Amino acid sequence: MVNEARGSGSPNPRSEGSSSGSESSKDSSRCSTPSLDPERHERLREKMRRRMDSGDKWFSLEFFPPRTAEGAVNLISRFDRMAAGGPLFVDVTWHPAGDPGSDKETSSMMIASTAVNYCGLETILHMTCCQQRPEEITGHLHRAKQLGLKNIMALRGDPVGDHWEAEEGGFSYATDLVKHIRTEFADYFDICVA
């Protein structure tokens, strides 16, 4: 999925000079060594604001975590080529059936961590509050922070099954999740909502 919004069309520093020989092959399961991005220290919200103010167009890419280890290798091996297109960021969805907060290679957490730490992509991790207790969410957020993830897409999420039932003591709305993140982590995470 490609999201288009207004922002700066400045060339992506990661994509310049990518033919240096450090680029991964199409069959490789590893990203090339990430280039140092001079904008990496800049928060995503600042990058977005600057680009929107400039009036230029920009885009992002959204990924659904693969179901198999082979699918994860396939996706990661393609991150370099996708990054060459210059997305402002990529986001990784949170899929409750796929154990999203685990250390499994197919989890949302690990795909997002790989994108940011090994491929040098600005990454947003989706996180839902549906059918999770606050302490579980806090654990996922601590893990995301440990892995160097700094951007969260806060969503209520869809229940696994046919209908919505609020988790006892849990959150019913994405706004509850946003408040929880700010209470527990202050301004560490940039938070997006939809």
C-alpha atoms as a PDB file:
ATOM      1  CA  MET A   1       0.000   0.000   0.000  1.00  0.00           C
ATOM      2  CA  VAL A   2       1.314   3.442  -0.843  1.00  0.00           C
ATOM      3  CA  ASN A   3       0.111   6.455   1.077  1.00  0.00           C
ATOM      4  CA  GLU A   4       0.665   9.791  -0.575  1.00  0.00           C
ATOM      5  CA  ALA A   5       0.707  13.032   1.318  1.00  0.00           C
ATOM      6  CA  ARG A   6       2.194  16.432   0.784  1.00  0.00           C
ATOM      7  CA  GLY A   7       5.766  16.939   1.913  1.00  0.00           C
ATOM      8  CA  SER A   8       9.327  17.593   0.773  1.00  0.00           C
ATOM      9  CA  GLY A   9      10.621  15.843  -2.297  1.00  0.00           C
ATOM     10  CA  SER A  10      14.252  16.209  -1.249  1.00  0.00           C
ATOM     11  CA  PRO A  11      16.349  13.295  -2.416  1.00  0.00           C
ATOM     12  CA  ASN A  12      16.613  10.504   0.112  1.00  0.00           C
ATOM     13  CA  PRO A  13      20.236  10.352   1.350  1.00  0.00           C
ATOM     14  CA  ARG A  14      20.022   6.571   1.624  1.00  0.00           C
ATOM     15  CA  SER A  15      19.274   6.173  -2.066  1.00  0.00           C
ATOM     16  CA  GLU A  16      22.160   8.288  -3.323  1.00  0.00           C
ATOM     17  CA  GLY A  17      25.176   6.257  -4.349  1.00  0.00           C
ATOM     18  CA  SER A  18      23.459   2.963  -3.609  1.00  0.00           C
ATOM     19  CA  SER A  19      25.375   1.239  -6.402  1.00  0.00           C
ATOM     20  CA  SER A  20      28.534   1.239  -4.286  1.00  0.00           C
ATOM     21  CA  GLY A  21      28.639  -2.520  -4.103  1.00  0.00           C
ATOM     22  CA  SER A  22      27.240  -2.747  -0.588  1.00  0.00           C
ATOM     23  CA  GLU A  23      23.730  -3.232  -1.927  1.00  0.00           C
ATOM     24  CA  SER A  24      22.179  -6.621  -1.228  1.00  0.00           C
ATOM     25  CA  SER A  25      21.384  -8.913  -4.129  1.00  0.00           C
ATOM     26  CA  LYS A  26      17.809  -9.769  -4.999  1.00  0.00           C
ATOM     27  CA  ASP A  27      18.371 -13.232  -3.520  1.00  0.00           C
ATOM     28  CA  SER A  28      19.972 -12.008  -0.310  1.00  0.00           C
ATOM     29  CA  SER A  29      18.028 -12.137   2.926  1.00  0.00           C
ATOM     30  CA  ARG A  30      20.083  -9.266   4.322  1.00  0.00           C
ATOM     31  CA  CYS A  31      19.811  -5.569   3.753  1.00  0.00           C
ATOM     32  CA  SER A  32      22.914  -3.769   2.681  1.00  0.00           C
ATOM     33  CA  THR A  33      24.748  -1.966   5.441  1.00  0.00           C
ATOM     34  CA  PRO A  34      22.597   1.085   6.109  1.00  0.00           C
ATOM     35  CA  SER A  35      24.104   4.397   5.071  1.00  0.00           C
ATOM     36  CA  LEU A  36      24.295   7.040   7.723  1.00  0.00           C
ATOM     37  CA  ASP A  37      21.219   9.156   7.224  1.00  0.00           C
ATOM     38  CA  PRO A  38      21.924  12.756   8.251  1.00  0.00           C
ATOM     39  CA  GLU A  39      18.201  13.094   9.024  1.00  0.00           C
ATOM     40  CA  ARG A  40      18.222  10.005  11.293  1.00  0.00           C
ATOM     41  CA  HIS A  41      18.590  12.126  14.427  1.00  0.00           C
ATOM     42  CA  GLU A  42      15.567  14.177  13.379  1.00  0.00           C
ATOM     43  CA  ARG A  43      12.222  13.030  14.763  1.00  0.00           C
ATOM     44  CA  LEU A  44       9.676  11.761  12.279  1.00  0.00           C
ATOM     45  CA  ARG A  45       7.170  14.434  13.235  1.00  0.00           C
ATOM     46  CA  GLU A  46       9.784  17.091  12.407  1.00  0.00           C
ATOM     47  CA  LYS A  47      10.528  15.471   9.047  1.00  0.00           C
ATOM     48  CA  MET A  48       6.816  15.318   8.242  1.00  0.00           C
ATOM     49  CA  ARG A  49       6.203  18.919   9.297  1.00  0.00           C
ATOM     50  CA  ARG A  50       9.157  20.174   7.258  1.00  0.00           C
ATOM     51  CA  ARG A  51       8.040  18.269   4.191  1.00  0.00           C
ATOM     52  CA  MET A  52       4.407  19.341   4.475  1.00  0.00           C
ATOM     53  CA  ASP A  53       5.493  22.967   4.871  1.00  0.00           C
ATOM     54  CA  SER A  54       7.583  22.702   1.691  1.00  0.00           C
ATOM     55  CA  GLY A  55       4.530  21.681  -0.371  1.00  0.00           C
ATOM     56  CA  ASP A  56       6.362  18.820  -2.100  1.00  0.00           C
ATOM     57  CA  LYS A  57       4.902  15.326  -2.328  1.00  0.00           C
ATOM     58  CA  TRP A  58       6.159  12.344  -0.359  1.00  0.00           C
ATOM     59  CA  PHE A  59       4.967   8.811   0.291  1.00  0.00           C
ATOM     60  CA  SER A  60       5.212   5.925   2.721  1.00  0.00           C
ATOM     61  CA  LEU A  61       5.000   2.154   2.369  1.00  0.00           C
ATOM     62  CA  GLU A  62       2.987  -0.171   4.608  1.00  0.00           C
ATOM     63  CA  PHE A  63       3.846  -3.819   5.198  1.00  0.00           C
ATOM     64  CA  PHE A  64       1.852  -6.664   6.667  1.00  0.00           C
ATOM     65  CA  PRO A  65       4.113  -9.110   8.542  1.00  0.00           C
ATOM     66  CA  PRO A  66       4.576 -12.352   6.615  1.00  0.00           C
ATOM     67  CA  ARG A  67       3.176 -15.580   8.041  1.00  0.00           C
ATOM     68  CA  THR A  68       6.264 -17.703   7.386  1.00  0.00           C
ATOM     69  CA  ALA A  69      10.003 -17.421   7.976  1.00  0.00           C
ATOM     70  CA  GLU A  70      10.506 -17.699   4.214  1.00  0.00           C
ATOM     71  CA  GLY A  71       8.118 -14.780   3.730  1.00  0.00           C
ATOM     72  CA  ALA A  72      10.075 -12.705   6.269  1.00  0.00           C
ATOM     73  CA  VAL A  73      13.348 -13.392   4.447  1.00  0.00           C
ATOM     74  CA  ASN A  74      11.673 -12.484   1.153  1.00  0.00           C
ATOM     75  CA  LEU A  75      10.358  -9.163   2.509  1.00  0.00           C
ATOM     76  CA  ILE A  76      13.609  -8.156   4.185  1.00  0.00           C
ATOM     77  CA  SER A  77      15.602  -8.960   1.051  1.00  0.00           C
ATOM     78  CA  ARG A  78      13.491  -6.419  -0.824  1.00  0.00           C
ATOM     79  CA  PHE A  79      13.732  -3.554   1.662  1.00  0.00           C
ATOM     80  CA  ASP A  80      16.819  -2.108  -0.100  1.00  0.00           C
ATOM     81  CA  ARG A  81      15.064  -1.869  -3.453  1.00  0.00           C
ATOM     82  CA  MET A  82      11.974  -0.362  -1.863  1.00  0.00           C
ATOM     83  CA  ALA A  83      14.121   2.141   0.060  1.00  0.00           C
ATOM     84  CA  ALA A  84      15.716   3.257  -3.213  1.00  0.00           C
ATOM     85  CA  GLY A  85      12.340   4.803  -4.095  1.00  0.00           C
ATOM     86  CA  GLY A  86      12.760   7.245  -1.203  1.00  0.00           C
ATOM     87  CA  PRO A  87       9.749   6.697   1.087  1.00  0.00           C
ATOM     88  CA  LEU A  88       9.646   9.099   4.015  1.00  0.00           C
ATOM     89  CA  PHE A  89       8.907   6.103   6.240  1.00  0.00           C
ATOM     90  CA  VAL A  90       7.588   2.562   6.243  1.00  0.00           C
ATOM     91  CA  ASP A  91       5.033   1.219   8.649  1.00  0.00           C
ATOM     92  CA  VAL A  92       4.494  -2.329   9.847  1.00  0.00           C
ATOM     93  CA  THR A  93       1.018  -3.479  10.825  1.00  0.00           C
ATOM     94  CA  TRP A  94       0.209  -5.181  14.135  1.00  0.00           C
ATOM     95  CA  HIS A  95      -1.465  -8.510  13.513  1.00  0.00           C
ATOM     96  CA  PRO A  96      -2.771 -10.135  16.725  1.00  0.00           C
ATOM     97  CA  ALA A  97      -2.915 -13.619  15.205  1.00  0.00           C
ATOM     98  CA  GLY A  98       0.797 -13.422  14.351  1.00  0.00           C
ATOM     99  CA  ASP A  99       2.078 -12.864  17.922  1.00  0.00           C
ATOM    100  CA  PRO A 100       3.096  -9.299  16.967  1.00  0.00           C
ATOM    101  CA  GLY A 101       5.112  -8.371  20.053  1.00  0.00           C
ATOM    102  CA  SER A 102       7.229 -11.517  20.160  1.00  0.00           C
ATOM    103  CA  ASP A 103      10.793 -12.147  19.020  1.00  0.00           C
ATOM    104  CA  LYS A 104       9.604 -14.464  16.230  1.00  0.00           C
ATOM    105  CA  GLU A 105      11.114 -13.523  12.877  1.00  0.00           C
ATOM    106  CA  THR A 106       7.602 -13.050  11.467  1.00  0.00           C
ATOM    107  CA  SER A 107       6.363 -10.759  14.252  1.00  0.00           C
ATOM    108  CA  SER A 108       5.505  -7.116  13.677  1.00  0.00           C
ATOM    109  CA  MET A 109       8.117  -6.142  16.268  1.00  0.00           C
ATOM    110  CA  MET A 110      10.968  -8.024  14.564  1.00  0.00           C
ATOM    111  CA  ILE A 111      10.073  -6.887  11.029  1.00  0.00           C
ATOM    112  CA  ALA A 112       9.969  -3.251  12.233  1.00  0.00           C
ATOM    113  CA  SER A 113      13.237  -3.676  14.142  1.00  0.00           C
ATOM    114  CA  THR A 114      14.959  -5.136  11.085  1.00  0.00           C
ATOM    115  CA  ALA A 115      13.685  -2.308   8.875  1.00  0.00           C
ATOM    116  CA  VAL A 116      15.085   0.391  11.172  1.00  0.00           C
ATOM    117  CA  ASN A 117      18.238  -1.243  12.561  1.00  0.00           C
ATOM    118  CA  TYR A 118      19.547  -3.250   9.609  1.00  0.00           C
ATOM    119  CA  CYS A 119      18.025  -1.481   6.629  1.00  0.00           C
ATOM    120  CA  GLY A 120      18.126   2.107   7.904  1.00  0.00           C
ATOM    121  CA  LEU A 121      14.461   2.806   7.132  1.00  0.00           C
ATOM    122  CA  GLU A 122      12.448   5.266   9.216  1.00  0.00           C
ATOM    123  CA  THR A 123       9.813   2.912  10.626  1.00  0.00           C
ATOM    124  CA  ILE A 124       6.458   3.188  12.359  1.00  0.00           C
ATOM    125  CA  LEU A 125       5.217   0.173  14.317  1.00  0.00           C
ATOM    126  CA  HIS A 126       1.449  -0.175  14.447  1.00  0.00           C
ATOM    127  CA  MET A 127       0.190  -1.103  17.913  1.00  0.00           C
ATOM    128  CA  THR A 128      -3.351  -1.954  18.906  1.00  0.00           C
ATOM    129  CA  CYS A 129      -4.998  -1.989  22.315  1.00  0.00           C
ATOM    130  CA  CYS A 130      -7.747  -4.439  21.342  1.00  0.00           C
ATOM    131  CA  GLN A 131      -7.909  -7.439  23.691  1.00  0.00           C
ATOM    132  CA  GLN A 132      -4.706  -6.540  25.550  1.00  0.00           C
ATOM    133  CA  ARG A 133      -4.165  -5.556  29.150  1.00  0.00           C
ATOM    134  CA  PRO A 134      -2.290  -2.298  29.845  1.00  0.00           C
ATOM    135  CA  GLU A 135       0.679  -4.196  31.307  1.00  0.00           C
ATOM    136  CA  GLU A 136       1.000  -6.233  28.085  1.00  0.00           C
ATOM    137  CA  ILE A 137       0.985  -3.033  26.055  1.00  0.00           C
ATOM    138  CA  THR A 138       3.598  -1.489  28.352  1.00  0.00           C
ATOM    139  CA  GLY A 139       5.773  -4.585  27.861  1.00  0.00           C
ATOM    140  CA  HIS A 140       5.487  -4.277  24.077  1.00  0.00           C
ATOM    141  CA  LEU A 141       6.395  -0.594  24.266  1.00  0.00           C
ATOM    142  CA  HIS A 142       9.447  -1.305  26.451  1.00  0.00           C
ATOM    143  CA  ARG A 143      10.555  -3.923  23.917  1.00  0.00           C
ATOM    144  CA  ALA A 144      10.007  -1.490  21.025  1.00  0.00           C
ATOM    145  CA  LYS A 145      12.140   1.092  22.843  1.00  0.00           C
ATOM    146  CA  GLN A 146      14.896  -1.487  23.496  1.00  0.00           C
ATOM    147  CA  LEU A 147      14.919  -2.277  19.776  1.00  0.00           C
ATOM    148  CA  GLY A 148      15.335   1.382  18.831  1.00  0.00           C
ATOM    149  CA  LEU A 149      11.816   1.898  17.502  1.00  0.00           C
ATOM    150  CA  LYS A 150      10.672   5.477  18.072  1.00  0.00           C
ATOM    151  CA  ASN A 151       7.403   5.735  16.140  1.00  0.00           C
ATOM    152  CA  ILE A 152       4.067   4.128  17.051  1.00  0.00           C
ATOM    153  CA  MET A 153       0.788   4.095  15.112  1.00  0.00           C
ATOM    154  CA  ALA A 154      -1.760   3.882  17.950  1.00  0.00           C
ATOM    155  CA  LEU A 155      -4.942   2.039  16.963  1.00  0.00           C
ATOM    156  CA  ARG A 156      -7.818   0.347  18.745  1.00  0.00           C
ATOM    157  CA  GLY A 157      -7.562  -2.554  16.333  1.00  0.00           C
ATOM    158  CA  ASP A 158     -10.009  -5.207  15.283  1.00  0.00           C
ATOM    159  CA  PRO A 159     -10.859  -8.137  17.523  1.00  0.00           C
ATOM    160  CA  VAL A 160      -9.882 -11.668  16.641  1.00  0.00           C
ATOM    161  CA  GLY A 161     -13.289 -13.169  15.984  1.00  0.00           C
ATOM    162  CA  ASP A 162     -16.675 -11.779  15.167  1.00  0.00           C
ATOM    163  CA  HIS A 163     -17.353  -9.055  17.700  1.00  0.00           C
ATOM    164  CA  TRP A 164     -15.718  -6.507  19.966  1.00  0.00           C
ATOM    165  CA  GLU A 165     -15.428  -7.172  23.682  1.00  0.00           C
ATOM    166  CA  ALA A 166     -13.378  -4.809  25.781  1.00  0.00           C
ATOM    167  CA  GLU A 167     -10.604  -6.471  27.789  1.00  0.00           C
ATOM    168  CA  GLU A 168     -11.363  -6.157  31.493  1.00  0.00           C
ATOM    169  CA  GLY A 169      -9.210  -3.287  32.747  1.00  0.00           C
ATOM    170  CA  GLY A 170      -8.054  -2.663  29.176  1.00  0.00           C
ATOM    171  CA  PHE A 171      -8.519   0.151  26.731  1.00  0.00           C
ATOM    172  CA  SER A 172     -11.558   0.616  24.510  1.00  0.00           C
ATOM    173  CA  TYR A 173     -10.258   3.416  22.291  1.00  0.00           C
ATOM    174  CA  ALA A 174      -7.033   4.439  20.569  1.00  0.00           C
ATOM    175  CA  THR A 175      -7.127   7.672  22.593  1.00  0.00           C
ATOM    176  CA  ASP A 176      -6.716   5.529  25.728  1.00  0.00           C
ATOM    177  CA  LEU A 177      -3.631   3.951  24.157  1.00  0.00           C
ATOM    178  CA  VAL A 178      -2.168   7.363  23.272  1.00  0.00           C
ATOM    179  CA  LYS A 179      -2.675   8.591  26.862  1.00  0.00           C
ATOM    180  CA  HIS A 180      -1.071   5.400  28.200  1.00  0.00           C
ATOM    181  CA  ILE A 181       1.973   5.783  25.937  1.00  0.00           C
ATOM    182  CA  ARG A 182       2.444   9.408  27.027  1.00  0.00           C
ATOM    183  CA  THR A 183       1.987   8.520  30.708  1.00  0.00           C
ATOM    184  CA  GLU A 184       4.484   5.642  30.600  1.00  0.00           C
ATOM    185  CA  PHE A 185       7.028   6.963  28.081  1.00  0.00           C
ATOM    186  CA  ALA A 186       6.542  10.754  28.070  1.00  0.00           C
ATOM    187  CA  ASP A 187       7.753  12.083  24.718  1.00  0.00           C
ATOM    188  CA  TYR A 188      10.022   9.167  23.723  1.00  0.00           C
ATOM    189  CA  PHE A 189       7.700   7.910  20.966  1.00  0.00           C
ATOM    190  CA  ASP A 190       6.278   9.913  18.096  1.00  0.00           C
ATOM    191  CA  ILE A 191       2.646   8.770  17.978  1.00  0.00           C
ATOM    192  CA  CYS A 192       0.518   8.619  14.851  1.00  0.00           C
ATOM    193  CA  VAL A 193      -3.216   7.942  14.886  1.00  0.00           C
ATOM    194  CA  ALA A 194      -5.741   7.025  12.217  1.00  0.00           C
END
